[in-house]
Amino acid sequence: MFNIIGLLVVGLIIGALARLIKPGKQSLSILATLVLGVVGALIGGIAASALGTGDIFELNILGFVIAVVAAVLLIGVAEGMSSKGKARV
């Protein structure tokens, strides 16, 4: 139970950091930011676990950095997919 709540809180923080890092205006909702941050946190946890620096739910620097980078990339992909239907002037 606490792992899930912790993952949501960390995901929101990672998503917010990713939106601050990514240049330009993003039109993502808070829910989309949370989801992409959680996915980024999971990617960071899995990568850090695979590198042997800790457990997937363990907060460490390497996992956090990888999570933020993954979230920035995911936000870029999400923005690209949402703007495909819009005509650019």
N, C-alpha and C. Protein backbone atom coordinates (compact mmCIF):
# COMPACT_ATOMS: atom_id res chain seq x y z
N MET A 1 0.82 -1.19 0.00
CA MET A 1 0.00 0.00 0.00
C MET A 1 0.86 1.26 0.00
N PHE A 2 1.87 1.30 0.88
CA PHE A 2 2.74 2.47 0.95
C PHE A 2 3.62 2.58 -0.28
N ASN A 3 3.98 1.44 -0.90
CA ASN A 3 4.76 1.48 -2.13
C ASN A 3 3.98 2.16 -3.24
N ILE A 4 2.69 1.89 -3.33
CA ILE A 4 1.86 2.48 -4.38
C ILE A 4 1.71 3.99 -4.15
N ILE A 5 1.44 4.39 -2.92
CA ILE A 5 1.32 5.82 -2.61
C ILE A 5 2.65 6.52 -2.85
N GLY A 6 3.72 5.91 -2.43
CA GLY A 6 5.05 6.47 -2.66
C GLY A 6 5.37 6.60 -4.14
N LEU A 7 4.98 5.58 -4.91
CA LEU A 7 5.21 5.61 -6.35
C LEU A 7 4.42 6.75 -7.00
N LEU A 8 3.19 6.96 -6.55
CA LEU A 8 2.38 8.06 -7.08
C LEU A 8 2.99 9.42 -6.75
N VAL A 9 3.45 9.59 -5.52
CA VAL A 9 4.05 10.86 -5.10
C VAL A 9 5.34 11.11 -5.88
N VAL A 10 6.20 10.09 -5.95
CA VAL A 10 7.46 10.24 -6.68
C VAL A 10 7.17 10.45 -8.17
N GLY A 11 6.16 9.76 -8.70
CA GLY A 11 5.79 9.93 -10.10
C GLY A 11 5.34 11.35 -10.40
N LEU A 12 4.58 11.93 -9.49
CA LEU A 12 4.13 13.31 -9.68
C LEU A 12 5.32 14.27 -9.64
N ILE A 13 6.25 14.04 -8.74
CA ILE A 13 7.44 14.88 -8.65
C ILE A 13 8.29 14.73 -9.90
N ILE A 14 8.49 13.50 -10.35
CA ILE A 14 9.29 13.25 -11.55
C ILE A 14 8.61 13.85 -12.78
N GLY A 15 7.30 13.70 -12.89
CA GLY A 15 6.57 14.30 -14.00
C GLY A 15 6.68 15.81 -14.01
N ALA A 16 6.57 16.43 -12.83
CA ALA A 16 6.68 17.88 -12.74
C ALA A 16 8.08 18.35 -13.11
N LEU A 17 9.10 17.64 -12.63
CA LEU A 17 10.48 17.98 -13.00
C LEU A 17 10.70 17.83 -14.50
N ALA A 18 10.15 16.77 -15.08
CA ALA A 18 10.31 16.54 -16.51
C ALA A 18 9.66 17.66 -17.31
N ARG A 19 8.50 18.14 -16.87
CA ARG A 19 7.84 19.25 -17.56
C ARG A 19 8.64 20.54 -17.42
N LEU A 20 9.30 20.72 -16.30
CA LEU A 20 10.15 21.91 -16.13
C LEU A 20 11.39 21.84 -17.01
N ILE A 21 11.94 20.64 -17.16
CA ILE A 21 13.17 20.45 -17.94
C ILE A 21 12.90 20.56 -19.43
N LYS A 22 11.79 19.99 -19.88
CA LYS A 22 11.48 19.97 -21.32
C LYS A 22 11.11 21.38 -21.76
N PRO A 23 11.81 21.89 -22.79
CA PRO A 23 11.51 23.25 -23.24
C PRO A 23 10.17 23.32 -23.98
N GLY A 24 9.61 24.50 -24.03
CA GLY A 24 8.36 24.70 -24.75
C GLY A 24 7.15 24.54 -23.84
N LYS A 25 6.01 24.85 -24.42
CA LYS A 25 4.75 24.77 -23.68
C LYS A 25 4.15 23.39 -23.87
N GLN A 26 3.81 22.74 -22.78
CA GLN A 26 3.15 21.44 -22.84
C GLN A 26 1.68 21.62 -22.48
N SER A 27 0.84 20.88 -23.19
CA SER A 27 -0.60 20.97 -22.92
C SER A 27 -1.10 19.70 -22.24
N LEU A 28 -0.26 19.10 -21.41
CA LEU A 28 -0.64 17.88 -20.71
C LEU A 28 -1.38 18.23 -19.42
N SER A 29 -2.35 17.39 -19.08
CA SER A 29 -3.07 17.58 -17.83
C SER A 29 -2.22 17.08 -16.66
N ILE A 30 -2.67 17.37 -15.46
CA ILE A 30 -1.97 16.88 -14.27
C ILE A 30 -2.01 15.36 -14.22
N LEU A 31 -3.13 14.78 -14.64
CA LEU A 31 -3.25 13.32 -14.66
C LEU A 31 -2.25 12.71 -15.65
N ALA A 32 -2.11 13.31 -16.83
CA ALA A 32 -1.15 12.81 -17.81
C ALA A 32 0.28 12.96 -17.28
N THR A 33 0.55 14.07 -16.61
CA THR A 33 1.86 14.28 -16.00
C THR A 33 2.14 13.21 -14.95
N LEU A 34 1.13 12.90 -14.13
CA LEU A 34 1.27 11.87 -13.11
C LEU A 34 1.55 10.51 -13.74
N VAL A 35 0.76 10.16 -14.75
CA VAL A 35 0.93 8.86 -15.40
C VAL A 35 2.31 8.74 -16.04
N LEU A 36 2.73 9.77 -16.78
CA LEU A 36 4.05 9.72 -17.42
C LEU A 36 5.18 9.74 -16.38
N GLY A 37 4.97 10.44 -15.28
CA GLY A 37 5.96 10.43 -14.20
C GLY A 37 6.07 9.07 -13.54
N VAL A 38 4.93 8.40 -13.33
CA VAL A 38 4.94 7.05 -12.74
C VAL A 38 5.61 6.07 -13.68
N VAL A 39 5.30 6.17 -14.98
CA VAL A 39 5.95 5.28 -15.96
C VAL A 39 7.45 5.56 -15.98
N GLY A 40 7.83 6.83 -15.94
CA GLY A 40 9.24 7.17 -15.87
C GLY A 40 9.90 6.64 -14.61
N ALA A 41 9.19 6.71 -13.48
CA ALA A 41 9.72 6.18 -12.21
C ALA A 41 9.90 4.67 -12.29
N LEU A 42 8.94 3.99 -12.93
CA LEU A 42 9.08 2.53 -13.09
C LEU A 42 10.26 2.19 -13.99
N ILE A 43 10.43 2.94 -15.09
CA ILE A 43 11.56 2.71 -15.98
C ILE A 43 12.87 2.94 -15.23
N GLY A 44 12.94 4.03 -14.47
CA GLY A 44 14.14 4.32 -13.69
C GLY A 44 14.42 3.25 -12.65
N GLY A 45 13.38 2.77 -11.98
CA GLY A 45 13.55 1.72 -10.98
C GLY A 45 14.01 0.41 -11.59
N ILE A 46 13.43 0.06 -12.73
CA ILE A 46 13.83 -1.17 -13.41
C ILE A 46 15.27 -1.07 -13.91
N ALA A 47 15.63 0.08 -14.48
CA ALA A 47 17.00 0.26 -14.97
C ALA A 47 18.01 0.22 -13.82
N ALA A 48 17.71 0.89 -12.73
CA ALA A 48 18.62 0.89 -11.59
C ALA A 48 18.72 -0.50 -10.98
N SER A 49 17.61 -1.22 -10.95
CA SER A 49 17.63 -2.59 -10.44
C SER A 49 18.46 -3.50 -11.34
N ALA A 50 18.32 -3.30 -12.65
CA ALA A 50 19.09 -4.11 -13.60
C ALA A 50 20.59 -3.82 -13.48
N LEU A 51 20.93 -2.58 -13.13
CA LEU A 51 22.34 -2.22 -12.97
C LEU A 51 22.88 -2.61 -11.59
N GLY A 52 22.00 -3.11 -10.73
CA GLY A 52 22.43 -3.60 -9.42
C GLY A 52 22.60 -2.53 -8.37
N THR A 53 21.94 -1.39 -8.54
CA THR A 53 22.10 -0.33 -7.54
C THR A 53 21.00 -0.32 -6.50
N GLY A 54 20.03 -1.21 -6.61
CA GLY A 54 18.97 -1.26 -5.61
C GLY A 54 17.73 -1.93 -6.16
N ASP A 55 16.72 -1.97 -5.31
CA ASP A 55 15.43 -2.57 -5.66
C ASP A 55 14.63 -1.58 -6.52
N ILE A 56 13.64 -2.09 -7.23
CA ILE A 56 12.83 -1.25 -8.12
C ILE A 56 12.11 -0.14 -7.36
N PHE A 57 11.66 -0.38 -6.14
CA PHE A 57 10.94 0.63 -5.37
C PHE A 57 11.85 1.40 -4.43
N GLU A 58 13.14 1.20 -4.53
CA GLU A 58 14.09 1.90 -3.68
C GLU A 58 14.52 3.19 -4.35
N LEU A 59 14.43 4.29 -3.64
CA LEU A 59 14.81 5.59 -4.20
C LEU A 59 16.32 5.76 -4.12
N ASN A 60 16.95 5.85 -5.29
CA ASN A 60 18.38 6.13 -5.33
C ASN A 60 18.65 7.13 -6.45
N ILE A 61 19.82 7.70 -6.45
CA ILE A 61 20.14 8.78 -7.38
C ILE A 61 20.10 8.32 -8.83
N LEU A 62 20.72 7.19 -9.13
CA LEU A 62 20.76 6.70 -10.51
C LEU A 62 19.35 6.44 -11.04
N GLY A 63 18.53 5.77 -10.26
CA GLY A 63 17.16 5.50 -10.67
C GLY A 63 16.37 6.77 -10.86
N PHE A 64 16.58 7.75 -9.99
CA PHE A 64 15.87 9.03 -10.09
C PHE A 64 16.26 9.77 -11.37
N VAL A 65 17.55 9.81 -11.67
CA VAL A 65 18.01 10.51 -12.88
C VAL A 65 17.47 9.82 -14.12
N ILE A 66 17.54 8.50 -14.16
CA ILE A 66 17.01 7.75 -15.30
C ILE A 66 15.50 7.98 -15.42
N ALA A 67 14.81 8.02 -14.29
CA ALA A 67 13.36 8.25 -14.30
C ALA A 67 13.01 9.62 -14.87
N VAL A 68 13.75 10.64 -14.50
CA VAL A 68 13.47 11.99 -15.01
C VAL A 68 13.75 12.05 -16.51
N VAL A 69 14.86 11.46 -16.94
CA VAL A 69 15.17 11.44 -18.38
C VAL A 69 14.09 10.68 -19.15
N ALA A 70 13.67 9.54 -18.63
CA ALA A 70 12.61 8.76 -19.28
C ALA A 70 11.31 9.55 -19.34
N ALA A 71 10.98 10.26 -18.27
CA ALA A 71 9.75 11.05 -18.25
C ALA A 71 9.82 12.21 -19.24
N VAL A 72 10.98 12.85 -19.39
CA VAL A 72 11.13 13.91 -20.38
C VAL A 72 10.90 13.35 -21.78
N LEU A 73 11.48 12.19 -22.06
CA LEU A 73 11.28 11.56 -23.36
C LEU A 73 9.82 11.18 -23.57
N LEU A 74 9.19 10.64 -22.55
CA LEU A 74 7.78 10.25 -22.65
C LEU A 74 6.88 11.47 -22.88
N ILE A 75 7.18 12.58 -22.23
CA ILE A 75 6.41 13.79 -22.43
C ILE A 75 6.57 14.28 -23.87
N GLY A 76 7.78 14.20 -24.39
CA GLY A 76 8.01 14.57 -25.78
C GLY A 76 7.22 13.71 -26.74
N VAL A 77 7.19 12.42 -26.49
CA VAL A 77 6.42 11.50 -27.33
C VAL A 77 4.93 11.80 -27.21
N ALA A 78 4.45 12.01 -26.00
CA ALA A 78 3.03 12.30 -25.79
C ALA A 78 2.64 13.61 -26.48
N GLU A 79 3.48 14.61 -26.39
CA GLU A 79 3.20 15.88 -27.05
C GLU A 79 3.19 15.70 -28.56
N GLY A 80 4.13 14.93 -29.08
CA GLY A 80 4.18 14.68 -30.52
C GLY A 80 2.96 13.94 -31.01
N MET A 81 2.49 12.97 -30.23
CA MET A 81 1.31 12.21 -30.62
C MET A 81 0.05 13.08 -30.55
N SER A 82 -0.03 13.96 -29.56
CA SER A 82 -1.23 14.79 -29.42
C SER A 82 -1.28 15.90 -30.44
N SER A 83 -0.13 16.32 -30.97
CA SER A 83 -0.13 17.40 -31.96
C SER A 83 -0.21 16.89 -33.39
N LYS A 84 -0.21 15.57 -33.61
CA LYS A 84 -0.32 15.02 -34.96
C LYS A 84 -1.63 15.40 -35.62
N GLY A 85 -2.69 15.44 -34.84
CA GLY A 85 -4.01 15.75 -35.38
C GLY A 85 -4.23 17.25 -35.59
N LYS A 86 -3.36 18.07 -35.05
CA LYS A 86 -3.51 19.52 -35.15
C LYS A 86 -2.68 20.05 -36.32
N ALA A 87 -3.23 20.96 -37.05
CA ALA A 87 -2.49 21.59 -38.14
C ALA A 87 -1.59 22.69 -37.57
N ARG A 88 -0.37 22.70 -37.99
CA ARG A 88 0.56 23.74 -37.52
C ARG A 88 0.61 24.88 -38.53
N VAL A 89 0.58 26.08 -38.01
CA VAL A 89 0.56 27.25 -38.89
C VAL A 89 1.90 27.91 -38.87
